C-alpha atoms as a PDB file:
ATOM      1  CA  MET A   1     -19.819   4.714  21.267  1.00  0.00           C
ATOM      2  CA  THR A   2     -16.858   5.647  19.116  1.00  0.00           C
ATOM      3  CA  ALA A   3     -13.243   4.854  19.963  1.00  0.00           C
ATOM      4  CA  SER A   4     -12.463   8.541  20.462  1.00  0.00           C
ATOM      5  CA  SER A   5     -15.290   8.956  23.018  1.00  0.00           C
ATOM      6  CA  ARG A   6     -14.389   5.930  25.151  1.00  0.00           C
ATOM      7  CA  SER A   7     -12.360   6.521  28.298  1.00  0.00           C
ATOM      8  CA  TYR A   8     -11.074   2.941  28.178  1.00  0.00           C
ATOM      9  CA  VAL A   9      -9.256   0.913  25.510  1.00  0.00           C
ATOM     10  CA  ASP A  10     -11.561  -1.684  23.974  1.00  0.00           C
ATOM     11  CA  ILE A  11      -9.595  -4.927  23.592  1.00  0.00           C
ATOM     12  CA  VAL A  12     -11.161  -7.786  21.643  1.00  0.00           C
ATOM     13  CA  ALA A  13      -9.541 -11.213  21.862  1.00  0.00           C
ATOM     14  CA  PHE A  14     -10.584 -13.621  19.110  1.00  0.00           C
ATOM     15  CA  SER A  15      -9.398 -17.201  18.744  1.00  0.00           C
ATOM     16  CA  GLY A  16      -9.852 -19.753  15.980  1.00  0.00           C
ATOM     17  CA  ASN A  17     -10.552 -22.772  18.175  1.00  0.00           C
ATOM     18  CA  ALA A  18     -13.457 -25.015  17.195  1.00  0.00           C
ATOM     19  CA  HIS A  19     -13.776 -26.689  20.610  1.00  0.00           C
ATOM     20  CA  ARG A  20     -13.504 -25.902  24.312  1.00  0.00           C
ATOM     21  CA  PRO A  21     -11.526 -26.033  26.502  1.00  0.00           C
ATOM     22  CA  SER A  22      -8.911 -24.561  24.198  1.00  0.00           C
ATOM     23  CA  ARG A  23      -5.262 -23.633  24.595  1.00  0.00           C
ATOM     24  CA  SER A  24      -5.623 -21.007  21.852  1.00  0.00           C
ATOM     25  CA  ARG A  25      -8.503 -19.336  23.667  1.00  0.00           C
ATOM     26  CA  SER A  26      -6.566 -19.493  26.927  1.00  0.00           C
ATOM     27  CA  LEU A  27      -3.487 -17.960  25.269  1.00  0.00           C
ATOM     28  CA  ALA A  28      -5.519 -15.117  23.743  1.00  0.00           C
ATOM     29  CA  GLU A  29      -7.101 -14.423  27.123  1.00  0.00           C
ATOM     30  CA  LEU A  30      -3.720 -14.349  28.865  1.00  0.00           C
ATOM     31  CA  ILE A  31      -2.257 -11.915  26.343  1.00  0.00           C
ATOM     32  CA  ALA A  32      -5.299  -9.631  26.574  1.00  0.00           C
ATOM     33  CA  GLN A  33      -5.164  -9.617  30.375  1.00  0.00           C
ATOM     34  CA  ARG A  34      -1.438  -8.808  30.351  1.00  0.00           C
ATOM     35  CA  ILE A  35      -2.209  -5.802  28.139  1.00  0.00           C
ATOM     36  CA  ARG A  36      -5.080  -4.806  30.406  1.00  0.00           C
ATOM     37  CA  ALA A  37      -2.678  -4.802  33.346  1.00  0.00           C
ATOM     38  CA  ARG A  38      -0.759  -1.974  31.617  1.00  0.00           C
ATOM     39  CA  ILE A  39      -3.592   0.307  30.478  1.00  0.00           C
ATOM     40  CA  TYR A  40      -7.178   1.175  31.413  1.00  0.00           C
ATOM     41  CA  ALA A  41      -9.079  -1.264  29.229  1.00  0.00           C
ATOM     42  CA  ARG A  42     -12.062  -3.524  28.785  1.00  0.00           C
ATOM     43  CA  VAL A  43     -11.503  -7.040  27.430  1.00  0.00           C
ATOM     44  CA  ARG A  44     -14.091  -8.941  25.414  1.00  0.00           C
ATOM     45  CA  GLN A  45     -13.333 -12.474  24.282  1.00  0.00           C
ATOM     46  CA  PHE A  46     -14.824 -14.486  21.434  1.00  0.00           C
ATOM     47  CA  ASP A  47     -14.006 -17.632  19.487  1.00  0.00           C
ATOM     48  CA  ILE A  48     -15.353 -19.591  16.537  1.00  0.00           C
ATOM     49  CA  LEU A  49     -17.915 -21.331  18.747  1.00  0.00           C
ATOM     50  CA  ASP A  50     -19.431 -17.981  19.712  1.00  0.00           C
ATOM     51  CA  ALA A  51     -20.079 -17.263  16.022  1.00  0.00           C
ATOM     52  CA  SER A  52     -21.289 -20.757  15.111  1.00  0.00           C
ATOM     53  CA  PRO A  53     -23.268 -22.202  13.452  1.00  0.00           C
ATOM     54  CA  GLY A  54     -24.162 -19.048  11.549  1.00  0.00           C
ATOM     55  CA  LEU A  55     -20.556 -18.416  10.551  1.00  0.00           C
ATOM     56  CA  GLY A  56     -19.868 -21.573   8.575  1.00  0.00           C
ATOM     57  CA  ALA A  57     -23.201 -21.474   6.748  1.00  0.00           C
ATOM     58  CA  ALA A  58     -22.774 -17.881   5.518  1.00  0.00           C
ATOM     59  CA  LEU A  59     -21.383 -17.103   2.084  1.00  0.00           C
ATOM     60  CA  ALA A  60     -21.917 -13.338   2.358  1.00  0.00           C
ATOM     61  CA  ARG A  61     -21.967 -10.859   5.235  1.00  0.00           C
ATOM     62  CA  GLU A  62     -25.723 -10.360   4.955  1.00  0.00           C
ATOM     63  CA  GLN A  63     -26.180 -14.086   5.552  1.00  0.00           C
ATOM     64  CA  LEU A  64     -24.510 -14.005   8.974  1.00  0.00           C
ATOM     65  CA  THR A  65     -26.669 -14.628  12.013  1.00  0.00           C
ATOM     66  CA  PRO A  66     -27.065 -11.680  14.408  1.00  0.00           C
ATOM     67  CA  GLU A  67     -24.688 -13.414  16.835  1.00  0.00           C
ATOM     68  CA  ALA A  68     -21.958 -13.881  14.231  1.00  0.00           C
ATOM     69  CA  LEU A  69     -22.400 -10.368  12.818  1.00  0.00           C
ATOM     70  CA  ALA A  70     -22.122  -8.866  16.305  1.00  0.00           C
ATOM     71  CA  ILE A  71     -18.705 -10.499  16.746  1.00  0.00           C
ATOM     72  CA  VAL A  72     -17.510  -9.282  13.330  1.00  0.00           C
ATOM     73  CA  GLU A  73     -18.575  -5.763  14.285  1.00  0.00           C
ATOM     74  CA  ALA A  74     -16.881  -6.054  17.677  1.00  0.00           C
ATOM     75  CA  VAL A  75     -13.606  -6.884  15.902  1.00  0.00           C
ATOM     76  CA  GLU A  76     -14.051  -3.970  13.506  1.00  0.00           C
ATOM     77  CA  GLN A  77     -14.789  -1.468  16.276  1.00  0.00           C
ATOM     78  CA  ALA A  78     -12.138  -2.568  18.787  1.00  0.00           C
ATOM     79  CA  ASP A  79      -9.200  -0.339  19.644  1.00  0.00           C
ATOM     80  CA  LEU A  80      -6.850  -3.320  19.841  1.00  0.00           C
ATOM     81  CA  LEU A  81      -7.084  -6.961  18.753  1.00  0.00           C
ATOM     82  CA  VAL A  82      -5.525 -10.104  20.151  1.00  0.00           C
ATOM     83  CA  VAL A  83      -5.888 -12.995  17.719  1.00  0.00           C
ATOM     84  CA  ALA A  84      -4.836 -16.596  18.173  1.00  0.00           C
ATOM     85  CA  SER A  85      -5.431 -19.816  16.289  1.00  0.00           C
ATOM     86  CA  PRO A  86      -4.498 -23.449  16.635  1.00  0.00           C
ATOM     87  CA  VAL A  87      -2.427 -24.743  13.738  1.00  0.00           C
ATOM     88  CA  TYR A  88      -4.224 -27.208  11.482  1.00  0.00           C
ATOM     89  CA  LYS A  89      -2.456 -28.651   8.435  1.00  0.00           C
ATOM     90  CA  GLY A  90       0.254 -25.987   8.584  1.00  0.00           C
ATOM     91  CA  SER A  91      -1.991 -22.924   8.863  1.00  0.00           C
ATOM     92  CA  TYR A  92      -4.670 -21.208  10.928  1.00  0.00           C
ATOM     93  CA  THR A  93      -8.079 -22.872  10.965  1.00  0.00           C
ATOM     94  CA  GLY A  94     -10.375 -22.543   7.972  1.00  0.00           C
ATOM     95  CA  LEU A  95     -13.193 -20.990   9.978  1.00  0.00           C
ATOM     96  CA  PHE A  96     -10.751 -18.445  11.418  1.00  0.00           C
ATOM     97  CA  LYS A  97      -9.988 -17.257   7.878  1.00  0.00           C
ATOM     98  CA  HIS A  98     -13.666 -17.501   6.921  1.00  0.00           C
ATOM     99  CA  PHE A  99     -14.487 -15.174   9.815  1.00  0.00           C
ATOM    100  CA  PHE A 100     -12.014 -12.532   8.682  1.00  0.00           C
ATOM    101  CA  ASP A 101     -13.361 -12.755   5.132  1.00  0.00           C
ATOM    102  CA  PHE A 102     -16.429 -10.954   6.497  1.00  0.00           C
ATOM    103  CA  VAL A 103     -14.440  -8.133   8.126  1.00  0.00           C
ATOM    104  CA  ASP A 104     -14.571  -4.904   6.129  1.00  0.00           C
ATOM    105  CA  ALA A 105     -11.334  -4.383   4.214  1.00  0.00           C
ATOM    106  CA  THR A 106     -10.845  -0.893   5.698  1.00  0.00           C
ATOM    107  CA  ALA A 107     -11.963  -1.598   9.271  1.00  0.00           C
ATOM    108  CA  LEU A 108      -8.573  -2.689  10.599  1.00  0.00           C
ATOM    109  CA  ILE A 109      -6.415   0.021   9.023  1.00  0.00           C
ATOM    110  CA  GLY A 110      -3.934   1.188  11.649  1.00  0.00           C
ATOM    111  CA  LYS A 111      -5.395  -1.083  14.329  1.00  0.00           C
ATOM    112  CA  PRO A 112      -2.857  -2.710  16.684  1.00  0.00           C
ATOM    113  CA  VAL A 113      -3.030  -6.508  16.515  1.00  0.00           C
ATOM    114  CA  VAL A 114      -1.176  -9.049  18.647  1.00  0.00           C
ATOM    115  CA  ILE A 115      -0.822 -12.329  16.735  1.00  0.00           C
ATOM    116  CA  ALA A 116      -0.452 -15.733  18.367  1.00  0.00           C
ATOM    117  CA  ALA A 117      -0.798 -19.425  17.585  1.00  0.00           C
ATOM    118  CA  THR A 118      -0.684 -22.800  19.302  1.00  0.00           C
ATOM    119  CA  GLY A 119       0.520 -26.099  17.865  1.00  0.00           C
ATOM    120  CA  GLY A 120       1.725 -29.564  18.596  1.00  0.00           C
ATOM    121  CA  GLY A 121       5.424 -28.853  18.159  1.00  0.00           C
ATOM    122  CA  PRO A 122       8.122 -26.410  17.041  1.00  0.00           C
ATOM    123  CA  ARG A 123       7.751 -27.173  13.327  1.00  0.00           C
ATOM    124  CA  HIS A 124       4.608 -24.978  13.254  1.00  0.00           C
ATOM    125  CA  SER A 125       6.233 -21.973  14.902  1.00  0.00           C
ATOM    126  CA  LEU A 126       6.551 -19.899  11.718  1.00  0.00           C
ATOM    127  CA  VAL A 127       2.793 -19.913  11.162  1.00  0.00           C
ATOM    128  CA  VAL A 128       2.550 -16.605  13.018  1.00  0.00           C
ATOM    129  CA  GLU A 129       5.031 -14.950  10.642  1.00  0.00           C
ATOM    130  CA  HIS A 130       4.158 -16.704   7.376  1.00  0.00           C
ATOM    131  CA  GLN A 131       0.379 -16.913   7.777  1.00  0.00           C
ATOM    132  CA  LEU A 132      -1.019 -14.576  10.413  1.00  0.00           C
ATOM    133  CA  ARG A 133       1.174 -11.519   9.845  1.00  0.00           C
ATOM    134  CA  PRO A 134       0.496 -11.397   6.071  1.00  0.00           C
ATOM    135  CA  LEU A 135      -3.244 -11.802   6.694  1.00  0.00           C
ATOM    136  CA  PHE A 136      -3.358  -8.680   8.836  1.00  0.00           C
ATOM    137  CA  GLY A 137      -0.902  -6.962   6.530  1.00  0.00           C
ATOM    138  CA  PHE A 138      -3.620  -7.180   3.874  1.00  0.00           C
ATOM    139  CA  PHE A 139      -5.906  -5.222   6.203  1.00  0.00           C
ATOM    140  CA  SER A 140      -3.143  -2.625   6.798  1.00  0.00           C
ATOM    141  CA  ALA A 141      -3.325  -3.400  10.503  1.00  0.00           C
ATOM    142  CA  LEU A 142      -0.361  -2.675  12.765  1.00  0.00           C
ATOM    143  CA  THR A 143       0.773  -6.098  13.904  1.00  0.00           C
ATOM    144  CA  ILE A 144       2.844  -5.924  17.071  1.00  0.00           C
ATOM    145  CA  PRO A 145       6.524  -6.814  16.390  1.00  0.00           C
ATOM    146  CA  THR A 146       6.626  -9.595  18.995  1.00  0.00           C
ATOM    147  CA  SER A 147       4.465 -12.580  18.034  1.00  0.00           C
ATOM    148  CA  ILE A 148       3.711 -15.568  20.256  1.00  0.00           C
ATOM    149  CA  TYR A 149       3.791 -19.240  19.384  1.00  0.00           C
ATOM    150  CA  ALA A 150       3.096 -21.782  22.117  1.00  0.00           C
ATOM    151  CA  GLU A 151       3.412 -25.511  21.607  1.00  0.00           C
ATOM    152  CA  ASP A 152       1.385 -28.009  23.596  1.00  0.00           C
ATOM    153  CA  LYS A 153       4.147 -28.930  26.028  1.00  0.00           C
ATOM    154  CA  SER A 154       4.464 -25.311  27.174  1.00  0.00           C
ATOM    155  CA  PHE A 155       1.042 -25.597  28.846  1.00  0.00           C
ATOM    156  CA  ASP A 156       0.089 -27.199  32.125  1.00  0.00           C
ATOM    157  CA  GLY A 157      -3.488 -27.974  31.228  1.00  0.00           C
ATOM    158  CA  LEU A 158      -4.701 -24.604  29.961  1.00  0.00           C
ATOM    159  CA  GLU A 159      -2.113 -22.585  31.887  1.00  0.00           C
ATOM    160  CA  GLN A 160       0.934 -21.267  30.069  1.00  0.00           C
ATOM    161  CA  VAL A 161       4.007 -22.083  32.187  1.00  0.00           C
ATOM    162  CA  ASP A 162       7.000 -21.708  29.855  1.00  0.00           C
ATOM    163  CA  PRO A 163       9.184 -18.799  31.103  1.00  0.00           C
ATOM    164  CA  GLY A 164      10.376 -17.883  27.607  1.00  0.00           C
ATOM    165  CA  ILE A 165       6.855 -17.697  26.208  1.00  0.00           C
ATOM    166  CA  LEU A 166       5.619 -15.759  29.221  1.00  0.00           C
ATOM    167  CA  ALA A 167       8.444 -13.278  28.656  1.00  0.00           C
ATOM    168  CA  ARG A 168       7.390 -12.865  25.006  1.00  0.00           C
ATOM    169  CA  ILE A 169       3.797 -12.328  26.104  1.00  0.00           C
ATOM    170  CA  ASP A 170       4.892  -9.561  28.470  1.00  0.00           C
ATOM    171  CA  LEU A 171       7.001  -7.962  25.736  1.00  0.00           C
ATOM    172  CA  ALA A 172       4.133  -8.071  23.230  1.00  0.00           C
ATOM    173  CA  ALA A 173       1.747  -6.693  25.855  1.00  0.00           C
ATOM    174  CA  SER A 174       4.078  -3.771  26.560  1.00  0.00           C
ATOM    175  CA  GLN A 175       4.481  -3.014  22.851  1.00  0.00           C
ATOM    176  CA  ALA A 176       0.722  -3.129  22.313  1.00  0.00           C
ATOM    177  CA  ALA A 177       0.029  -0.899  25.307  1.00  0.00           C
ATOM    178  CA  VAL A 178       2.550   1.713  24.157  1.00  0.00           C
ATOM    179  CA  LEU A 179       1.172   1.740  20.609  1.00  0.00           C
ATOM    180  CA  VAL A 180      -2.507   1.985  21.466  1.00  0.00           C
ATOM    181  CA  SER A 181      -1.796   4.659  24.090  1.00  0.00           C
ATOM    182  CA  ALA A 182       0.115   6.715  21.529  1.00  0.00           C
ATOM    183  CA  GLN A 183      -2.715   6.338  19.038  1.00  0.00           C
ATOM    184  CA  ARG A 184      -5.260   7.599  21.537  1.00  0.00           C
ATOM    185  CA  GLN A 185      -3.068  10.598  22.338  1.00  0.00           C
ATOM    186  CA  HIS A 186      -2.464  11.418  18.669  1.00  0.00           C
ATOM    187  CA  ARG A 187      -5.443  10.241  16.670  1.00  0.00           C
ATOM    188  CA  LEU A 188      -4.533   8.953  13.228  1.00  0.00           C
ATOM    189  CA  PRO A 189      -6.805   9.982  10.324  1.00  0.00           C
ATOM    190  CA  GLY A 190      -9.302   7.339   9.241  1.00  0.00           C
ATOM    191  CA  PRO A 191      -9.355   5.781   5.774  1.00  0.00           C
ATOM    192  CA  ASP A 192     -12.171   8.157   4.694  1.00  0.00           C
ATOM    193  CA  GLU A 193     -10.338  11.296   5.845  1.00  0.00           C
ATOM    194  CA  THR A 194      -8.187  13.188   3.339  1.00  0.00           C
ATOM    195  CA  PRO A 195      -5.311  15.342   4.649  1.00  0.00           C
ATOM    196  CA  ALA A 196      -4.859  18.843   3.268  1.00  0.00           C
ATOM    197  CA  ALA A 197      -2.973  19.055  -0.016  1.00  0.00           C
ATOM    198  CA  PRO A 198       0.814  19.282   0.555  1.00  0.00           C
ATOM    199  CA  GLU A 199       3.068  21.884  -0.939  1.00  0.00           C
ATOM    200  CA  ALA A 200       4.759  20.916  -4.171  1.00  0.00           C
ATOM    201  CA  ASP A 201       8.134  20.252  -2.537  1.00  0.00           C
ATOM    202  CA  ALA A 202       6.954  18.386   0.563  1.00  0.00           C
ATOM    203  CA  TYR A 203       5.196  15.191   1.511  1.00  0.00           C
ATOM    204  CA  THR A 204       2.719  15.777   4.329  1.00  0.00           C
ATOM    205  CA  ASP A 205       1.202  13.212   6.658  1.00  0.00           C
ATOM    206  CA  ARG A 206      -0.812  13.958   9.760  1.00  0.00           C
ATOM    207  CA  ILE A 207      -1.024  12.775  13.332  1.00  0.00           C
ATOM    208  CA  GLY A 208      -4.104  14.380  14.803  1.00  0.00           C
ATOM    209  CA  ASP A 209      -4.013  18.029  13.785  1.00  0.00           C
ATOM    210  CA  THR A 210      -0.211  18.264  13.553  1.00  0.00           C
ATOM    211  CA  PRO A 211       1.315  17.969  10.070  1.00  0.00           C
ATOM    212  CA  LEU A 212       4.551  16.053   9.669  1.00  0.00           C
ATOM    213  CA  ARG A 213       6.631  17.530   6.877  1.00  0.00           C
ATOM    214  CA  ILE A 214       9.276  15.555   5.072  1.00  0.00           C
ATOM    215  CA  ARG A 215      11.277  17.560   2.576  1.00  0.00           C
ATOM    216  CA  THR A 216      11.977  15.882  -0.753  1.00  0.00           C
END
C-alpha cells in the first residue's frame, strides 16, 4: 500500500537503544502517541533489538536478515518518523547509525522526522542539533523544528514527568501533525519525478499539480 492510498498516516518510531526497558524507546513512543492524538494515524515501533542480531553482522543491505530488512523498509515507507537514541560517548549509538546506513539515500526526501535523544545530564543536550539533525539533513528529510532532549532525572522510571519536556513534546507533535497533514493534502513530487520545464524567466516548483512561480 502506497502512502497516497492510505487513509491513515503511517508513523514509525525507531529508537537506538540496545537494551530494554529503555528511556529512549519510551520517549519515542510518547512522542508518536502525542502525534497520533492529533491526526488519524497508525503507530509502529521498533528499536535496535528488533533488528538484531542480523543488523550488526551485516556489511551490505543484501546481508540483512528478513527481520532487519523489514524494519529498514518500514522506515523508508513511513509517512512520518520519530527517532530517538541514547547518548553514548557524545553521540547517538553506533548501531543506530549502522541501521541508517542501510536506508536508501532517496527514501527519506521530504519525510517529516521528529528527532529526540536521552542522556545522563545536560552536557549531552546538543546531540540532537549537532548529530541527529545533520544526519537527517543528509537524507533531505524535513526535521521538525522542535527537538527533544530528556536527561535521566526527567523520568520517573520510564515515564517522562518534566513539564518543560512534555511541553516541547506537545509542540513537536503539533508541528509534525501540521506538516504531514499538509503534505497529504498537497502531495510533493518524489525524487524520481521531474517537473515540467519552466519558462526562461521563472523558477517553477510544484506542490501536487499546482505550479509555484517565482519571478527572477
